[in-house]
Amino acid sequence: MRIVVCAKRDLLSCHFLNQLLPLLQGHELQVWLADKTRPQEHAVAALAEIAFIERTLPVDLLFPLLDTLPAATLPPAEQATFHGLSRRYGIQVETVADVNSPAMLQRLRQLQPDLLISARFSHIFKAAALAIPCHGIVNVHPGELPRYAGLFAPMRMLLEGATELACTVHWIDEGIDTGPIVAVHRQPLQRQHGLVGQINQLYCLAIPTLLEQIEALASGQPTAGRPQDASTRCYRSLPGADEMAQFAASGVAYWKPDEYRDWLLRFIPGGLSADAAGKPGAMPNPEEWQHWLQSLTAHCS
């Protein structure tokens, strides 16, 4: 099948792609990344911090450094950067400014995709884009639909006393988070751990369902999904300062430096030469990377 995976240019999407793409080998793949930001992300301090740990630090600062390492002479890291994923699987990974622009619609028509997979993609697919993939667009939403439509669903579930987090796999229609539901997956809320890592796990819960849908489509037995109950729908956009303060008082941290550092270390290739440290142009060894990341995350916290 010809599949376009639409994700976000951030750390969570990179992890999701690292888990999904190896399981899609044998299909014709492209990855499109959204790099959209909203003014409110810079106006609310807590949202600016989240943008920093999800995008600026890993994708803008760390990943370019890793992409300069000689991949051919080093054992692969557990996780690949976006550029590393392109090299590892021989696929095109590109950033998309507007998926609904005439140029991108033309690109999509030329690709003639059978299916689009969306996860964390910041753009809303309009009717013209929705009509192009022959089997439609399936989305992974990090909340239980229809009650938790919109942005920051895991945080809203926590603030309303949920003991579980959930993700919903659904088909995209012309609404926002309104399409037919294929499956809902749940995991216990772990208050002792950072929320961002638990959100990261939510997207991966959806992968078996995505693979089942691809197999069903390939065999001519697609799953239509069940309609959502619009009477229980609640859509919310970005939280404001008051809601972020309420979350800060909940006792659950959005991120924890030790967990975050360990996550970033998965992108560091193994086999870096310890005896090269200190030589001109030498690469730092893994212990130096770990010390640097530990110092950085401690400073950021």
C-alpha atoms as a PDB file:
ATOM      1  CA  MET A   1       0.000   0.000   0.000  1.00  0.00           C
ATOM      2  CA  ARG A   2       1.007   3.620  -0.470  1.00  0.00           C
ATOM      3  CA  ILE A   3       0.898   5.236   2.977  1.00  0.00           C
ATOM      4  CA  VAL A   4       1.662   8.794   4.094  1.00  0.00           C
ATOM      5  CA  VAL A   5       2.255   9.128   7.829  1.00  0.00           C
ATOM      6  CA  CYS A   6       1.434  12.631   9.077  1.00  0.00           C
ATOM      7  CA  ALA A   7       2.966  13.531  12.442  1.00  0.00           C
ATOM      8  CA  LYS A   8       4.492  16.499  14.227  1.00  0.00           C
ATOM      9  CA  ARG A   9       8.030  17.786  14.306  1.00  0.00           C
ATOM     10  CA  ASP A  10       8.480  17.015  17.994  1.00  0.00           C
ATOM     11  CA  LEU A  11       9.921  14.413  20.349  1.00  0.00           C
ATOM     12  CA  LEU A  12       6.718  12.422  20.892  1.00  0.00           C
ATOM     13  CA  SER A  13       6.097  12.030  17.168  1.00  0.00           C
ATOM     14  CA  CYS A  14       9.692  10.964  16.631  1.00  0.00           C
ATOM     15  CA  HIS A  15       9.275   8.203  19.207  1.00  0.00           C
ATOM     16  CA  PHE A  16       5.974   7.134  17.612  1.00  0.00           C
ATOM     17  CA  LEU A  17       7.601   6.946  14.187  1.00  0.00           C
ATOM     18  CA  ASN A  18      10.482   4.907  15.585  1.00  0.00           C
ATOM     19  CA  GLN A  19       7.934   2.337  16.752  1.00  0.00           C
ATOM     20  CA  LEU A  20       5.636   2.427  13.722  1.00  0.00           C
ATOM     21  CA  LEU A  21       7.894   2.633  10.670  1.00  0.00           C
ATOM     22  CA  PRO A  22       9.730  -0.696  11.159  1.00  0.00           C
ATOM     23  CA  LEU A  23       6.334  -2.408  11.146  1.00  0.00           C
ATOM     24  CA  LEU A  24       5.342  -0.777   7.847  1.00  0.00           C
ATOM     25  CA  GLN A  25       8.291  -2.017   5.808  1.00  0.00           C
ATOM     26  CA  GLY A  26       7.078  -3.436   2.527  1.00  0.00           C
ATOM     27  CA  HIS A  27       4.688  -0.513   2.004  1.00  0.00           C
ATOM     28  CA  GLU A  28       5.475   2.647   0.020  1.00  0.00           C
ATOM     29  CA  LEU A  29       5.968   5.262   2.737  1.00  0.00           C
ATOM     30  CA  GLN A  30       6.399   8.980   3.136  1.00  0.00           C
ATOM     31  CA  VAL A  31       6.401  10.999   6.349  1.00  0.00           C
ATOM     32  CA  TRP A  32       5.020  14.527   6.552  1.00  0.00           C
ATOM     33  CA  LEU A  33       5.722  16.606   9.646  1.00  0.00           C
ATOM     34  CA  ALA A  34       3.785  19.639  10.859  1.00  0.00           C
ATOM     35  CA  ASP A  35       5.749  22.447  12.493  1.00  0.00           C
ATOM     36  CA  LYS A  36       2.832  24.665  13.445  1.00  0.00           C
ATOM     37  CA  THR A  37       2.896  26.805  16.581  1.00  0.00           C
ATOM     38  CA  ARG A  38       0.150  28.897  18.137  1.00  0.00           C
ATOM     39  CA  PRO A  39       0.652  32.361  19.685  1.00  0.00           C
ATOM     40  CA  GLN A  40      -0.723  31.148  23.037  1.00  0.00           C
ATOM     41  CA  GLU A  41       2.170  28.687  23.324  1.00  0.00           C
ATOM     42  CA  HIS A  42       4.498  31.661  23.798  1.00  0.00           C
ATOM     43  CA  ALA A  43       2.117  33.742  25.904  1.00  0.00           C
ATOM     44  CA  VAL A  44       1.648  31.143  28.685  1.00  0.00           C
ATOM     45  CA  ALA A  45       4.892  30.276  30.499  1.00  0.00           C
ATOM     46  CA  ALA A  46       3.951  26.642  31.184  1.00  0.00           C
ATOM     47  CA  LEU A  47       3.072  26.084  27.516  1.00  0.00           C
ATOM     48  CA  ALA A  48       6.360  27.680  26.443  1.00  0.00           C
ATOM     49  CA  GLU A  49       8.201  25.239  28.716  1.00  0.00           C
ATOM     50  CA  ILE A  50       6.360  22.297  27.155  1.00  0.00           C
ATOM     51  CA  ALA A  51       7.244  23.552  23.670  1.00  0.00           C
ATOM     52  CA  PHE A  52      10.876  23.767  24.756  1.00  0.00           C
ATOM     53  CA  ILE A  53      11.136  20.202  26.046  1.00  0.00           C
ATOM     54  CA  GLU A  54       9.070  18.685  23.228  1.00  0.00           C
ATOM     55  CA  ARG A  55      10.517  20.612  20.291  1.00  0.00           C
ATOM     56  CA  THR A  56      13.273  23.168  20.870  1.00  0.00           C
ATOM     57  CA  LEU A  57      15.693  21.136  22.973  1.00  0.00           C
ATOM     58  CA  PRO A  58      15.420  17.744  21.258  1.00  0.00           C
ATOM     59  CA  VAL A  59      14.565  18.638  17.665  1.00  0.00           C
ATOM     60  CA  ASP A  60      16.233  22.032  17.170  1.00  0.00           C
ATOM     61  CA  LEU A  61      19.290  21.593  19.405  1.00  0.00           C
ATOM     62  CA  LEU A  62      20.085  17.910  19.982  1.00  0.00           C
ATOM     63  CA  PHE A  63      18.986  16.261  16.733  1.00  0.00           C
ATOM     64  CA  PRO A  64      21.152  18.456  14.444  1.00  0.00           C
ATOM     65  CA  LEU A  65      24.200  17.523  16.519  1.00  0.00           C
ATOM     66  CA  LEU A  66      23.391  13.838  16.248  1.00  0.00           C
ATOM     67  CA  ASP A  67      22.779  14.124  12.517  1.00  0.00           C
ATOM     68  CA  THR A  68      26.392  15.240  12.011  1.00  0.00           C
ATOM     69  CA  LEU A  69      27.773  12.005  13.507  1.00  0.00           C
ATOM     70  CA  PRO A  70      29.186   9.472  11.006  1.00  0.00           C
ATOM     71  CA  ALA A  71      26.327   6.998  11.056  1.00  0.00           C
ATOM     72  CA  ALA A  72      28.136   4.498   8.844  1.00  0.00           C
ATOM     73  CA  THR A  73      30.883   3.952  11.430  1.00  0.00           C
ATOM     74  CA  LEU A  74      28.728   3.841  14.591  1.00  0.00           C
ATOM     75  CA  PRO A  75      26.277   1.242  15.884  1.00  0.00           C
ATOM     76  CA  PRO A  76      22.747   2.637  15.470  1.00  0.00           C
ATOM     77  CA  ALA A  77      21.108   4.340  18.420  1.00  0.00           C
ATOM     78  CA  GLU A  78      17.993   2.783  19.920  1.00  0.00           C
ATOM     79  CA  GLN A  79      15.990   5.710  18.522  1.00  0.00           C
ATOM     80  CA  ALA A  80      16.665   7.636  15.312  1.00  0.00           C
ATOM     81  CA  THR A  81      16.190  11.345  14.694  1.00  0.00           C
ATOM     82  CA  PHE A  82      13.860  12.378  11.878  1.00  0.00           C
ATOM     83  CA  HIS A  83      16.841  12.541   9.518  1.00  0.00           C
ATOM     84  CA  GLY A  84      18.045   9.225  10.890  1.00  0.00           C
ATOM     85  CA  LEU A  85      14.658   7.637  10.211  1.00  0.00           C
ATOM     86  CA  SER A  86      14.875   8.807   6.615  1.00  0.00           C
ATOM     87  CA  ARG A  87      18.295   7.185   6.241  1.00  0.00           C
ATOM     88  CA  ARG A  88      17.418   4.054   8.212  1.00  0.00           C
ATOM     89  CA  TYR A  89      14.299   3.188   6.207  1.00  0.00           C
ATOM     90  CA  GLY A  90      15.067   4.893   2.898  1.00  0.00           C
ATOM     91  CA  ILE A  91      11.971   7.097   3.001  1.00  0.00           C
ATOM     92  CA  GLN A  92      11.307  10.781   2.485  1.00  0.00           C
ATOM     93  CA  VAL A  93      10.660  12.794   5.662  1.00  0.00           C
ATOM     94  CA  GLU A  94       9.695  16.422   5.114  1.00  0.00           C
ATOM     95  CA  THR A  95       8.133  19.342   6.946  1.00  0.00           C
ATOM     96  CA  VAL A  96       4.783  20.569   5.617  1.00  0.00           C
ATOM     97  CA  ALA A  97       3.724  24.175   6.074  1.00  0.00           C
ATOM     98  CA  ASP A  98       0.069  23.766   5.009  1.00  0.00           C
ATOM     99  CA  VAL A  99      -1.364  20.405   3.983  1.00  0.00           C
ATOM    100  CA  ASN A 100      -4.378  22.137   2.404  1.00  0.00           C
ATOM    101  CA  SER A 101      -2.399  24.469   0.126  1.00  0.00           C
ATOM    102  CA  PRO A 102      -2.806  23.979  -3.639  1.00  0.00           C
ATOM    103  CA  ALA A 103       0.807  22.819  -3.921  1.00  0.00           C
ATOM    104  CA  MET A 104       0.477  20.161  -1.224  1.00  0.00           C
ATOM    105  CA  LEU A 105      -2.878  18.973  -2.549  1.00  0.00           C
ATOM    106  CA  GLN A 106      -1.229  18.515  -5.921  1.00  0.00           C
ATOM    107  CA  ARG A 107       1.632  16.607  -4.272  1.00  0.00           C
ATOM    108  CA  LEU A 108      -0.872  14.370  -2.524  1.00  0.00           C
ATOM    109  CA  ARG A 109      -2.742  13.674  -5.753  1.00  0.00           C
ATOM    110  CA  GLN A 110       0.523  12.737  -7.463  1.00  0.00           C
ATOM    111  CA  LEU A 111       1.372  10.317  -4.637  1.00  0.00           C
ATOM    112  CA  GLN A 112      -2.044   8.640  -4.975  1.00  0.00           C
ATOM    113  CA  PRO A 113      -1.923   7.343  -1.380  1.00  0.00           C
ATOM    114  CA  ASP A 114      -4.107   4.465  -0.331  1.00  0.00           C
ATOM    115  CA  LEU A 115      -4.130   5.659   3.281  1.00  0.00           C
ATOM    116  CA  LEU A 116      -2.999   8.537   5.478  1.00  0.00           C
ATOM    117  CA  ILE A 117      -2.107   7.884   9.113  1.00  0.00           C
ATOM    118  CA  SER A 118      -2.283  10.957  11.355  1.00  0.00           C
ATOM    119  CA  ALA A 119      -0.855  11.347  14.863  1.00  0.00           C
ATOM    120  CA  ARG A 120      -0.129  14.715  16.478  1.00  0.00           C
ATOM    121  CA  PHE A 121      -0.463  16.358  13.063  1.00  0.00           C
ATOM    122  CA  SER A 122      -1.293  20.000  13.710  1.00  0.00           C
ATOM    123  CA  HIS A 123      -3.156  20.682  10.473  1.00  0.00           C
ATOM    124  CA  ILE A 124      -6.884  20.127   9.993  1.00  0.00           C
ATOM    125  CA  PHE A 125      -7.560  18.186   6.802  1.00  0.00           C
ATOM    126  CA  LYS A 126     -10.139  20.017   4.696  1.00  0.00           C
ATOM    127  CA  ALA A 127     -12.532  18.382   2.266  1.00  0.00           C
ATOM    128  CA  ALA A 128     -10.179  18.494  -0.725  1.00  0.00           C
ATOM    129  CA  ALA A 129      -7.426  16.680   1.197  1.00  0.00           C
ATOM    130  CA  LEU A 130      -9.853  14.196   2.744  1.00  0.00           C
ATOM    131  CA  ALA A 131     -11.047  13.127  -0.703  1.00  0.00           C
ATOM    132  CA  ILE A 132      -7.603  12.163  -2.038  1.00  0.00           C
ATOM    133  CA  PRO A 133      -6.484   8.989  -0.168  1.00  0.00           C
ATOM    134  CA  CYS A 134      -8.597   6.162  -1.496  1.00  0.00           C
ATOM    135  CA  HIS A 135      -9.189   4.593   1.937  1.00  0.00           C
ATOM    136  CA  GLY A 136      -9.308   7.846   3.916  1.00  0.00           C
ATOM    137  CA  ILE A 137      -7.345   9.133   6.895  1.00  0.00           C
ATOM    138  CA  VAL A 138      -7.087   7.356  10.244  1.00  0.00           C
ATOM    139  CA  ASN A 139      -6.083   9.404  13.292  1.00  0.00           C
ATOM    140  CA  VAL A 140      -4.671   8.637  16.718  1.00  0.00           C
ATOM    141  CA  HIS A 141      -6.132  11.011  19.316  1.00  0.00           C
ATOM    142  CA  PRO A 142      -4.581  11.013  22.839  1.00  0.00           C
ATOM    143  CA  GLY A 143      -7.884  11.084  24.692  1.00  0.00           C
ATOM    144  CA  GLU A 144     -11.198   9.280  24.887  1.00  0.00           C
ATOM    145  CA  LEU A 145     -13.624  10.549  22.280  1.00  0.00           C
ATOM    146  CA  PRO A 146     -16.053  12.197  22.184  1.00  0.00           C
ATOM    147  CA  ARG A 147     -15.695  13.428  25.793  1.00  0.00           C
ATOM    148  CA  TYR A 148     -12.125  14.668  25.381  1.00  0.00           C
ATOM    149  CA  ALA A 149     -11.919  16.152  21.901  1.00  0.00           C
ATOM    150  CA  GLY A 150      -9.387  18.851  21.096  1.00  0.00           C
ATOM    151  CA  LEU A 151      -6.025  19.676  22.645  1.00  0.00           C
ATOM    152  CA  PHE A 152      -4.353  18.535  25.877  1.00  0.00           C
ATOM    153  CA  ALA A 153      -6.836  15.720  26.411  1.00  0.00           C
ATOM    154  CA  PRO A 154      -4.595  13.725  28.831  1.00  0.00           C
ATOM    155  CA  MET A 155      -4.203  16.744  31.108  1.00  0.00           C
ATOM    156  CA  ARG A 156      -7.963  17.366  31.074  1.00  0.00           C
ATOM    157  CA  MET A 157      -8.628  13.718  31.947  1.00  0.00           C
ATOM    158  CA  LEU A 158      -6.226  13.970  34.885  1.00  0.00           C
ATOM    159  CA  LEU A 159      -7.782  17.223  36.151  1.00  0.00           C
ATOM    160  CA  GLU A 160     -11.240  15.632  36.061  1.00  0.00           C
ATOM    161  CA  GLY A 161     -10.119  12.780  38.307  1.00  0.00           C
ATOM    162  CA  ALA A 162      -9.504  10.004  35.782  1.00  0.00           C
ATOM    163  CA  THR A 163      -7.460   7.035  36.966  1.00  0.00           C
ATOM    164  CA  GLU A 164      -6.763   5.996  33.369  1.00  0.00           C
ATOM    165  CA  LEU A 165      -5.537   7.756  30.267  1.00  0.00           C
ATOM    166  CA  ALA A 166      -6.850   6.792  26.839  1.00  0.00           C
ATOM    167  CA  CYS A 167      -6.230   7.104  23.146  1.00  0.00           C
ATOM    168  CA  THR A 168      -8.806   6.811  20.386  1.00  0.00           C
ATOM    169  CA  VAL A 169      -8.203   5.522  16.864  1.00  0.00           C
ATOM    170  CA  HIS A 170     -10.808   7.046  14.554  1.00  0.00           C
ATOM    171  CA  TRP A 171     -11.432   7.928  10.937  1.00  0.00           C
ATOM    172  CA  ILE A 172     -11.151  11.608  10.094  1.00  0.00           C
ATOM    173  CA  ASP A 173     -14.174  13.392   8.643  1.00  0.00           C
ATOM    174  CA  GLU A 174     -14.814  17.084   7.988  1.00  0.00           C
ATOM    175  CA  GLY A 175     -15.204  17.835  11.695  1.00  0.00           C
ATOM    176  CA  ILE A 176     -12.483  18.026  14.351  1.00  0.00           C
ATOM    177  CA  ASP A 177     -12.147  14.749  16.284  1.00  0.00           C
ATOM    178  CA  THR A 178     -15.663  13.781  15.199  1.00  0.00           C
ATOM    179  CA  GLY A 179     -15.100  10.803  12.869  1.00  0.00           C
ATOM    180  CA  PRO A 180     -16.176   7.181  13.465  1.00  0.00           C
ATOM    181  CA  ILE A 181     -14.303   5.375  16.248  1.00  0.00           C
ATOM    182  CA  VAL A 182     -12.325   2.231  15.459  1.00  0.00           C
ATOM    183  CA  ALA A 183     -10.952   1.511  18.944  1.00  0.00           C
ATOM    184  CA  VAL A 184     -10.206   3.054  22.335  1.00  0.00           C
ATOM    185  CA  HIS A 185      -7.119   1.965  24.282  1.00  0.00           C
ATOM    186  CA  ARG A 186      -6.514   2.722  27.961  1.00  0.00           C
ATOM    187  CA  GLN A 187      -3.607   2.645  30.382  1.00  0.00           C
ATOM    188  CA  PRO A 188      -3.441   3.395  34.130  1.00  0.00           C
ATOM    189  CA  LEU A 189      -2.487   6.928  35.103  1.00  0.00           C
ATOM    190  CA  GLN A 190       0.812   6.800  36.995  1.00  0.00           C
ATOM    191  CA  ARG A 191       0.934   9.894  39.142  1.00  0.00           C
ATOM    192  CA  GLN A 192       4.539   9.288  40.182  1.00  0.00           C
ATOM    193  CA  HIS A 193       5.767   9.635  36.593  1.00  0.00           C
ATOM    194  CA  GLY A 194       5.865  12.600  34.253  1.00  0.00           C
ATOM    195  CA  LEU A 195       2.765  13.048  32.110  1.00  0.00           C
ATOM    196  CA  VAL A 196       4.664  13.569  28.842  1.00  0.00           C
ATOM    197  CA  GLY A 197       6.150  10.069  28.981  1.00  0.00           C
ATOM    198  CA  GLN A 198       2.703   8.593  29.572  1.00  0.00           C
ATOM    199  CA  ILE A 199       1.283  10.534  26.628  1.00  0.00           C
ATOM    200  CA  ASN A 200       4.151   9.140  24.589  1.00  0.00           C
ATOM    201  CA  GLN A 201       3.046   5.606  25.479  1.00  0.00           C
ATOM    202  CA  LEU A 202      -0.561   6.364  24.499  1.00  0.00           C
ATOM    203  CA  TYR A 203       0.273   6.831  20.834  1.00  0.00           C
ATOM    204  CA  CYS A 204       2.118   3.512  20.738  1.00  0.00           C
ATOM    205  CA  LEU A 205      -0.946   1.709  22.155  1.00  0.00           C
ATOM    206  CA  ALA A 206      -2.661   2.500  18.869  1.00  0.00           C
ATOM    207  CA  ILE A 207      -0.087   0.806  16.623  1.00  0.00           C
ATOM    208  CA  PRO A 208      -1.614  -2.723  16.674  1.00  0.00           C
ATOM    209  CA  THR A 209      -4.986  -1.240  15.684  1.00  0.00           C
ATOM    210  CA  LEU A 210      -3.367   0.724  12.842  1.00  0.00           C
ATOM    211  CA  LEU A 211      -1.732  -2.456  11.561  1.00  0.00           C
ATOM    212  CA  GLU A 212      -5.058  -4.284  11.766  1.00  0.00           C
ATOM    213  CA  GLN A 213      -6.704  -1.551   9.702  1.00  0.00           C
ATOM    214  CA  ILE A 214      -3.984  -1.734   7.056  1.00  0.00           C
ATOM    215  CA  GLU A 215      -4.361  -5.515   6.857  1.00  0.00           C
ATOM    216  CA  ALA A 216      -8.146  -5.211   6.612  1.00  0.00           C
ATOM    217  CA  LEU A 217      -7.879  -2.613   3.856  1.00  0.00           C
ATOM    218  CA  ALA A 218      -5.403  -4.755   1.931  1.00  0.00           C
ATOM    219  CA  SER A 219      -7.793  -7.709   2.103  1.00  0.00           C
ATOM    220  CA  GLY A 220     -10.807  -5.645   1.048  1.00  0.00           C
ATOM    221  CA  GLN A 221     -12.457  -5.721   4.487  1.00  0.00           C
ATOM    222  CA  PRO A 222     -12.131  -2.176   5.900  1.00  0.00           C
ATOM    223  CA  THR A 223     -13.564  -1.264   9.283  1.00  0.00           C
ATOM    224  CA  ALA A 224     -16.032   1.609   9.117  1.00  0.00           C
ATOM    225  CA  GLY A 225     -15.964   2.354  12.852  1.00  0.00           C
ATOM    226  CA  ARG A 226     -18.852   3.356  15.083  1.00  0.00           C
ATOM    227  CA  PRO A 227     -20.377   6.849  15.066  1.00  0.00           C
ATOM    228  CA  GLN A 228     -19.609   9.123  17.984  1.00  0.00           C
ATOM    229  CA  ASP A 229     -22.325  10.222  20.399  1.00  0.00           C
ATOM    230  CA  ALA A 230     -22.376  13.964  19.750  1.00  0.00           C
ATOM    231  CA  SER A 231     -24.385  14.590  22.947  1.00  0.00           C
ATOM    232  CA  THR A 232     -21.332  13.757  25.092  1.00  0.00           C
ATOM    233  CA  ARG A 233     -18.809  15.667  22.995  1.00  0.00           C
ATOM    234  CA  CYS A 234     -16.633  18.289  24.655  1.00  0.00           C
ATOM    235  CA  TYR A 235     -14.057  20.143  22.551  1.00  0.00           C
ATOM    236  CA  ARG A 236     -11.371  22.313  24.119  1.00  0.00           C
ATOM    237  CA  SER A 237      -8.451  24.241  22.680  1.00  0.00           C
ATOM    238  CA  LEU A 238      -5.138  25.172  24.313  1.00  0.00           C
ATOM    239  CA  PRO A 239      -5.352  25.673  28.089  1.00  0.00           C
ATOM    240  CA  GLY A 240      -4.780  29.108  29.544  1.00  0.00           C
ATOM    241  CA  ALA A 241      -2.596  30.149  32.462  1.00  0.00           C
ATOM    242  CA  ASP A 242      -5.283  29.339  35.046  1.00  0.00           C
ATOM    243  CA  GLU A 243      -5.764  25.785  33.825  1.00  0.00           C
ATOM    244  CA  MET A 244      -2.008  25.226  33.642  1.00  0.00           C
ATOM    245  CA  ALA A 245      -1.724  26.456  37.236  1.00  0.00           C
ATOM    246  CA  GLN A 246      -4.437  23.986  38.225  1.00  0.00           C
ATOM    247  CA  PHE A 247      -2.443  21.208  36.593  1.00  0.00           C
ATOM    248  CA  ALA A 248       0.759  22.326  38.368  1.00  0.00           C
ATOM    249  CA  ALA A 249      -1.121  21.997  41.678  1.00  0.00           C
ATOM    250  CA  SER A 250      -2.319  18.477  40.857  1.00  0.00           C
ATOM    251  CA  GLY A 251       0.882  16.834  42.070  1.00  0.00           C
ATOM    252  CA  VAL A 252       1.688  15.330  38.658  1.00  0.00           C
ATOM    253  CA  ALA A 253       4.674  16.822  36.858  1.00  0.00           C
ATOM    254  CA  TYR A 254       4.433  17.278  33.118  1.00  0.00           C
ATOM    255  CA  TRP A 255       8.037  16.083  32.841  1.00  0.00           C
ATOM    256  CA  LYS A 256      10.730  14.831  35.185  1.00  0.00           C
ATOM    257  CA  PRO A 257      14.401  15.565  34.415  1.00  0.00           C
ATOM    258  CA  ASP A 258      15.686  12.026  35.056  1.00  0.00           C
ATOM    259  CA  GLU A 259      12.995  10.404  32.903  1.00  0.00           C
ATOM    260  CA  TYR A 260      13.495  12.995  30.195  1.00  0.00           C
ATOM    261  CA  ARG A 261      17.277  12.584  30.173  1.00  0.00           C
ATOM    262  CA  ASP A 262      16.921   8.802  29.864  1.00  0.00           C
ATOM    263  CA  TRP A 263      14.549   9.330  26.952  1.00  0.00           C
ATOM    264  CA  LEU A 264      17.012  11.585  25.115  1.00  0.00           C
ATOM    265  CA  LEU A 265      19.842   9.119  25.701  1.00  0.00           C
ATOM    266  CA  ARG A 266      18.016   6.605  23.504  1.00  0.00           C
ATOM    267  CA  PHE A 267      19.006   8.803  20.554  1.00  0.00           C
ATOM    268  CA  ILE A 268      22.744   8.667  21.372  1.00  0.00           C
ATOM    269  CA  PRO A 269      24.585   6.092  19.215  1.00  0.00           C
ATOM    270  CA  GLY A 270      26.508   3.385  21.009  1.00  0.00           C
ATOM    271  CA  GLY A 271      30.177   2.684  20.463  1.00  0.00           C
ATOM    272  CA  LEU A 272      31.360   6.265  20.715  1.00  0.00           C
ATOM    273  CA  SER A 273      35.078   6.088  21.382  1.00  0.00           C
ATOM    274  CA  ALA A 274      35.952   6.890  24.981  1.00  0.00           C
ATOM    275  CA  ASP A 275      39.634   7.425  24.148  1.00  0.00           C
ATOM    276  CA  ALA A 276      38.720  10.038  21.530  1.00  0.00           C
ATOM    277  CA  ALA A 277      37.430  12.436  24.171  1.00  0.00           C
ATOM    278  CA  GLY A 278      39.457  15.601  24.383  1.00  0.00           C
ATOM    279  CA  LYS A 279      41.039  15.270  20.951  1.00  0.00           C
ATOM    280  CA  PRO A 280      40.379  18.011  18.369  1.00  0.00           C
ATOM    281  CA  GLY A 281      37.138  17.285  16.549  1.00  0.00           C
ATOM    282  CA  ALA A 282      36.517  14.182  18.650  1.00  0.00           C
ATOM    283  CA  MET A 283      33.060  12.927  19.530  1.00  0.00           C
ATOM    284  CA  PRO A 284      32.074  12.802  23.210  1.00  0.00           C
ATOM    285  CA  ASN A 285      31.713   9.342  24.687  1.00  0.00           C
ATOM    286  CA  PRO A 286      28.369   8.123  26.096  1.00  0.00           C
ATOM    287  CA  GLU A 287      29.265   9.147  29.646  1.00  0.00           C
ATOM    288  CA  GLU A 288      29.932  12.704  28.479  1.00  0.00           C
ATOM    289  CA  TRP A 289      26.638  12.801  26.597  1.00  0.00           C
ATOM    290  CA  GLN A 290      24.855  11.599  29.716  1.00  0.00           C
ATOM    291  CA  HIS A 291      26.592  14.198  31.894  1.00  0.00           C
ATOM    292  CA  TRP A 292      25.728  16.943  29.416  1.00  0.00           C
ATOM    293  CA  LEU A 293      22.072  15.921  29.197  1.00  0.00           C
ATOM    294  CA  GLN A 294      21.828  15.537  32.970  1.00  0.00           C
ATOM    295  CA  SER A 295      23.249  19.031  33.500  1.00  0.00           C
ATOM    296  CA  LEU A 296      20.978  20.484  30.836  1.00  0.00           C
ATOM    297  CA  THR A 297      17.774  18.908  32.101  1.00  0.00           C
ATOM    298  CA  ALA A 298      18.623  19.789  35.709  1.00  0.00           C
ATOM    299  CA  HIS A 299      19.167  23.399  34.662  1.00  0.00           C
ATOM    300  CA  CYS A 300      15.902  23.473  32.709  1.00  0.00           C
ATOM    301  CA  SER A 301      13.943  22.101  35.664  1.00  0.00           C
END
